[in-house]
C-alpha cells in the first residue's frame, strides 16, 4: 500500500514539473516579445522629419504665373497693318503705270490680283487699255507669243482665264493660230482645257501641223489626252506625227 502511495506521489510531481516547464517556456516567449517591443528602433526605422528639400517651399517669383504684360496681350491691328482695298484712283493709276511698262510678270500679277478680288470692272478696264495683250519675253525665237490669257492657260489659272474671257479676250487666236488651248494642253491643265472647249475652242486647231492632242501627248499629259480623245479629237494626227 505504501508503494502505491509513493508511485502516485511521483506521478503527481512529474505532472507538476511538466506544467512548470511549459509555463516557463510560455513566460520566456512572452518575455522575448516584450523585449522586441521595448527595443529602440534603429536610425533607419525611425521616421525622420522631412529635409529642407523635401518640404514643399513656396513658389519663387519666376515660378508663379504672372499676368501677361501689355506687350504680350494681343492688340488689335493698327490701321497701317490692316490691308485696305485699293481705291479706284489707285487702281487706275496702276493701270496707267503698267500700260507704259514691259514688265510682263508685274502685269500678269496685277491682272491676277484683280481677278482674285473679283474686280471684273477694273479687269475689263485693264483689258481695254491693252494690258492683257502685253506679251512675255521669249527665251527662244521659235516660241509662240504668250499674252496674259496664254500665260494663265499655261499656268492653270482657271479663275484668271475666265475673268479675261469675260473681259473680252478671244479664246481663239486671230493670227499665227496661237490658240490658248495649245498653252493649256502644253501645261497639262485639264480644267482649263475643259473650260476652253466648253466656250467653243476647236479641239482640231493646228499650229505647224500640231493639234492640242499632239501637244498634250508630246508633254506627257495623259489626262488631257484621254479627255480630248473622249470628245472626238482625231487620234490619226498622233500617228502622223509618230506618237
Protein backbone atom coordinates (compact mmCIF):
# COMPACT_ATOMS: atom_id res chain seq x y z
CA UNK A 1 0.00 0.00 0.00
CA UNK A 2 2.81 2.34 0.82
CA UNK A 3 4.38 1.56 -2.54
CA UNK A 4 1.17 2.58 -4.35
CA UNK A 5 1.03 5.86 -2.48
CA UNK A 6 4.68 6.53 -3.37
CA UNK A 7 4.08 5.88 -7.06
CA UNK A 8 1.10 8.23 -7.04
CA UNK A 9 3.20 10.95 -5.45
CA UNK A 10 5.91 10.52 -8.06
CA UNK A 11 3.34 10.83 -10.89
CA UNK A 12 1.93 13.97 -9.29
CA UNK A 13 5.39 15.54 -9.04
CA UNK A 14 6.16 14.66 -12.68
CA UNK A 15 2.95 16.36 -13.82
CA UNK A 16 3.68 19.46 -11.82
CA UNK A 17 7.22 19.58 -13.22
CA UNK A 18 5.89 19.45 -16.78
CA UNK A 19 3.38 22.20 -16.05
CA UNK A 20 6.11 24.35 -14.55
CA UNK A 21 8.38 23.70 -17.56
CA UNK A 22 5.62 24.58 -20.04
CA UNK A 23 4.78 27.66 -18.03
CA UNK A 24 8.44 28.72 -18.03
CA UNK A 25 8.64 28.37 -21.84
CA UNK A 26 5.47 30.41 -22.24
CA UNK A 27 6.86 33.09 -19.93
CA UNK A 28 10.13 33.19 -21.89
CA UNK A 29 8.22 33.52 -25.16
CA UNK A 30 6.21 36.46 -23.86
CA UNK A 31 9.34 37.99 -22.39
CA UNK A 32 11.05 37.83 -25.79
CA UNK A 33 8.07 39.55 -27.43
CA UNK A 34 8.12 42.27 -24.79
CA UNK A 35 11.84 42.80 -25.30
CA UNK A 36 11.28 43.21 -29.06
CA UNK A 37 8.56 45.76 -28.43
CA UNK A 38 10.68 47.69 -25.94
CA UNK A 39 13.79 47.60 -28.12
CA UNK A 40 14.53 51.09 -29.50
CA UNK A 41 14.20 51.40 -33.29
CA UNK A 42 17.29 51.83 -35.45
CA UNK A 43 18.06 55.06 -37.22
CA UNK A 44 16.66 53.66 -40.46
CA UNK A 45 13.41 52.63 -38.80
CA UNK A 46 12.83 55.89 -37.02
CA UNK A 47 10.87 58.26 -39.27
CA UNK A 48 12.82 61.43 -39.55
CA UNK A 49 11.29 64.77 -40.32
CA UNK A 50 11.48 65.80 -43.99
CA UNK A 51 14.61 67.57 -45.14
CA UNK A 52 14.55 71.12 -46.39
CA UNK A 53 14.49 69.83 -49.97
CA UNK A 54 11.56 67.51 -49.24
CA UNK A 55 9.48 70.17 -47.58
CA UNK A 56 7.49 71.97 -50.28
CA UNK A 57 8.65 75.51 -50.43
CA UNK A 58 6.52 78.37 -51.66
CA UNK A 59 6.98 79.04 -55.38
CA UNK A 60 9.50 81.65 -56.41
CA UNK A 61 8.52 84.77 -58.30
CA UNK A 62 9.65 83.15 -61.55
CA UNK A 63 7.51 80.06 -60.92
CA UNK A 64 4.36 81.99 -60.12
CA UNK A 65 2.49 82.67 -63.36
CA UNK A 66 2.17 86.36 -63.72
CA UNK A 67 -0.49 88.09 -65.79
CA UNK A 68 0.60 88.87 -69.34
CA UNK A 69 2.25 92.19 -69.93
CA UNK A 70 0.74 94.79 -72.21
CA UNK A 71 3.14 93.72 -74.98
CA UNK A 72 2.13 90.05 -74.66
CA UNK A 73 -1.60 90.72 -74.85
CA UNK A 74 -2.64 90.62 -78.50
CA UNK A 75 -3.68 94.04 -79.56
CA UNK A 76 -5.94 94.82 -82.48
CA UNK A 77 -4.04 95.57 -85.66
CA UNK A 78 -3.31 99.18 -86.40
CA UNK A 79 -4.70 100.93 -89.45
CA UNK A 80 -1.33 100.53 -91.20
CA UNK A 81 -1.29 96.77 -90.59
CA UNK A 82 -4.79 96.15 -91.94
CA UNK A 83 -4.63 95.74 -95.71
CA UNK A 84 -7.20 98.07 -97.16
CA UNK A 85 -8.68 97.60 -100.60
CA UNK A 86 -7.15 99.90 -103.17
CA UNK A 87 -9.16 102.93 -104.15
CA UNK A 88 -10.42 103.36 -107.69
CA UNK A 89 -7.86 106.10 -108.31
CA UNK A 90 -5.02 103.86 -107.13
CA UNK A 91 -6.11 101.08 -109.50
CA UNK A 92 -6.44 103.48 -112.44
CA UNK A 93 -3.02 104.89 -111.65
CA UNK A 94 -1.56 101.37 -111.61
CA UNK A 95 -3.16 100.57 -114.96
CA UNK A 96 -1.60 103.69 -116.48
CA UNK A 97 1.78 102.80 -114.98
CA UNK A 98 1.74 99.23 -116.32
CA UNK A 99 0.48 100.36 -119.72
CA UNK A 100 3.82 102.05 -120.21
CA UNK A 101 5.75 99.06 -118.86
CA UNK A 102 7.17 95.92 -120.45
CA UNK A 103 7.43 94.08 -117.13
CA UNK A 104 5.23 91.14 -118.09
CA UNK A 105 5.37 89.43 -114.69
CA UNK A 106 4.17 92.58 -112.90
CA UNK A 107 1.37 92.99 -115.44
CA UNK A 108 0.31 89.35 -115.06
CA UNK A 109 0.34 89.58 -111.26
CA UNK A 110 -1.78 92.75 -111.39
CA UNK A 111 -4.38 91.06 -113.60
CA UNK A 112 -4.34 88.03 -111.31
CA UNK A 113 -4.85 90.27 -108.27
CA UNK A 114 -7.89 91.96 -109.83
CA UNK A 115 -9.31 88.56 -110.75
CA UNK A 116 -8.73 87.13 -107.25
CA UNK A 117 -10.53 90.12 -105.73
CA UNK A 118 -13.44 89.67 -108.13
CA UNK A 119 -12.85 93.15 -109.51
CA UNK A 120 -14.18 92.48 -113.00
CA UNK A 121 -14.88 96.16 -113.59
CA UNK A 122 -11.24 97.20 -113.47
CA UNK A 123 -10.00 93.99 -115.04
CA UNK A 124 -12.14 94.92 -118.04
CA UNK A 125 -10.61 98.41 -117.89
CA UNK A 126 -7.13 96.87 -117.88
CA UNK A 127 -8.13 94.82 -120.94
CA UNK A 128 -9.38 97.94 -122.72
CA UNK A 129 -6.07 99.66 -122.00
CA UNK A 130 -4.20 96.74 -123.60
CA UNK A 131 -2.60 95.16 -120.53
CA UNK A 132 -3.81 91.68 -121.44
CA UNK A 133 -2.13 91.99 -124.85
CA UNK A 134 1.31 92.54 -123.37
CA UNK A 135 3.49 89.54 -124.16
CA UNK A 136 6.06 87.57 -122.20
CA UNK A 137 9.68 87.75 -123.33
CA UNK A 138 10.78 84.81 -125.48
CA UNK A 139 13.63 82.55 -124.48
CA UNK A 140 13.82 81.09 -127.98
CA UNK A 141 12.90 82.55 -131.37
CA UNK A 142 10.65 79.61 -132.21
CA UNK A 143 8.48 80.09 -129.10
CA UNK A 144 4.89 81.18 -129.52
CA UNK A 145 3.94 84.57 -128.17
CA UNK A 146 2.22 84.46 -124.80
CA UNK A 147 -0.12 87.22 -123.68
CA UNK A 148 -1.96 87.35 -120.37
CA UNK A 149 -4.59 84.80 -121.39
CA UNK A 150 -2.00 82.41 -122.84
CA UNK A 151 0.07 82.61 -119.66
CA UNK A 152 -2.96 81.99 -117.44
CA UNK A 153 -3.78 78.90 -119.54
CA UNK A 154 -0.21 77.65 -119.31
CA UNK A 155 -0.11 78.12 -115.51
CA UNK A 156 -3.54 76.59 -114.99
CA UNK A 157 -5.03 79.77 -113.53
CA UNK A 158 -8.65 78.97 -114.34
CA UNK A 159 -10.08 81.93 -112.43
CA UNK A 160 -7.98 84.43 -114.39
CA UNK A 161 -8.75 82.65 -117.67
CA UNK A 162 -12.48 83.08 -117.03
CA UNK A 163 -12.06 86.72 -115.99
CA UNK A 164 -10.05 87.61 -119.11
CA UNK A 165 -12.55 85.86 -121.39
CA UNK A 166 -15.39 87.79 -119.72
CA UNK A 167 -13.41 90.99 -120.22
CA UNK A 168 -13.21 90.32 -123.97
CA UNK A 169 -10.13 88.18 -124.62
CA UNK A 170 -10.62 85.80 -127.54
CA UNK A 171 -10.50 82.12 -126.74
CA UNK A 172 -9.11 81.53 -130.23
CA UNK A 173 -6.11 83.28 -131.79
CA UNK A 174 -6.83 85.56 -134.73
CA UNK A 175 -3.29 85.31 -136.09
CA UNK A 176 -0.46 82.75 -136.09
CA UNK A 177 -3.11 80.27 -134.95
CA UNK A 178 -1.74 80.73 -131.42
CA UNK A 179 -4.70 79.26 -129.53
CA UNK A 180 -4.98 79.46 -125.74
CA UNK A 181 -5.93 75.76 -125.94
CA UNK A 182 -2.40 74.98 -127.13
CA UNK A 183 -0.93 76.51 -123.97
CA UNK A 184 -3.42 74.76 -121.70
CA UNK A 185 -2.60 71.44 -123.40
CA UNK A 186 1.15 72.01 -123.21
CA UNK A 187 0.80 72.82 -119.50
CA UNK A 188 -1.42 69.79 -118.89
CA UNK A 189 -4.12 71.87 -117.23
CA UNK A 190 -7.19 69.71 -117.66
CA UNK A 191 -9.75 72.06 -116.07
CA UNK A 192 -8.64 74.93 -118.29
CA UNK A 193 -8.76 72.66 -121.36
CA UNK A 194 -12.32 71.63 -120.46
CA UNK A 195 -13.39 75.26 -119.99
CA UNK A 196 -11.91 76.40 -123.32
CA UNK A 197 -13.62 73.54 -125.15
CA UNK A 198 -16.87 74.42 -123.37
CA UNK A 199 -16.77 78.03 -124.61
CA UNK A 200 -16.03 76.97 -128.18
CA UNK A 201 -12.30 76.40 -128.66
CA UNK A 202 -11.60 73.98 -131.50
CA UNK A 203 -10.04 70.69 -130.47
CA UNK A 204 -8.67 70.24 -134.02
CA UNK A 205 -6.98 73.63 -134.43
CA UNK A 206 -3.41 73.24 -135.65
CA UNK A 207 -0.12 75.07 -135.42
CA UNK A 208 2.61 73.76 -137.71
CA UNK A 209 0.64 70.55 -138.06
CA UNK A 210 0.19 70.03 -134.31
CA UNK A 211 -3.18 69.85 -132.58
CA UNK A 212 -3.93 70.29 -128.86
CA UNK A 213 -4.00 66.47 -128.62
CA UNK A 214 -0.47 66.24 -130.01
CA UNK A 215 0.80 68.99 -127.70
CA UNK A 216 -0.64 67.20 -124.67
CA UNK A 217 0.80 63.86 -125.80
CA UNK A 218 4.26 65.30 -126.52
CA UNK A 219 4.40 66.70 -122.99
CA UNK A 220 3.16 63.53 -121.29
CA UNK A 221 -0.21 64.82 -120.05
CA UNK A 222 -2.24 61.60 -120.14
CA UNK A 223 -5.39 63.04 -118.53
CA UNK A 224 -5.64 65.79 -121.15
CA UNK A 225 -5.00 63.25 -123.92
CA UNK A 226 -7.79 61.00 -122.58
CA UNK A 227 -10.20 63.92 -122.36
CA UNK A 228 -9.52 65.20 -125.89
CA UNK A 229 -9.92 61.70 -127.33
CA UNK A 230 -13.14 61.24 -125.34
CA UNK A 231 -14.67 64.29 -127.04
CA UNK A 232 -13.64 63.14 -130.51
CA UNK A 233 -10.14 64.52 -131.10
CA UNK A 234 -8.66 62.75 -134.12
CA UNK A 235 -6.08 60.20 -132.98
CA UNK A 236 -4.75 59.77 -136.52
CA UNK A 237 -2.88 63.05 -136.06
CA UNK A 238 -0.79 61.36 -133.36
CA UNK A 239 0.14 58.53 -135.74
CA UNK A 240 1.04 61.02 -138.46
CA UNK A 241 3.41 62.76 -136.03
CA UNK A 242 4.95 59.48 -134.89
CA UNK A 243 3.29 59.42 -131.43
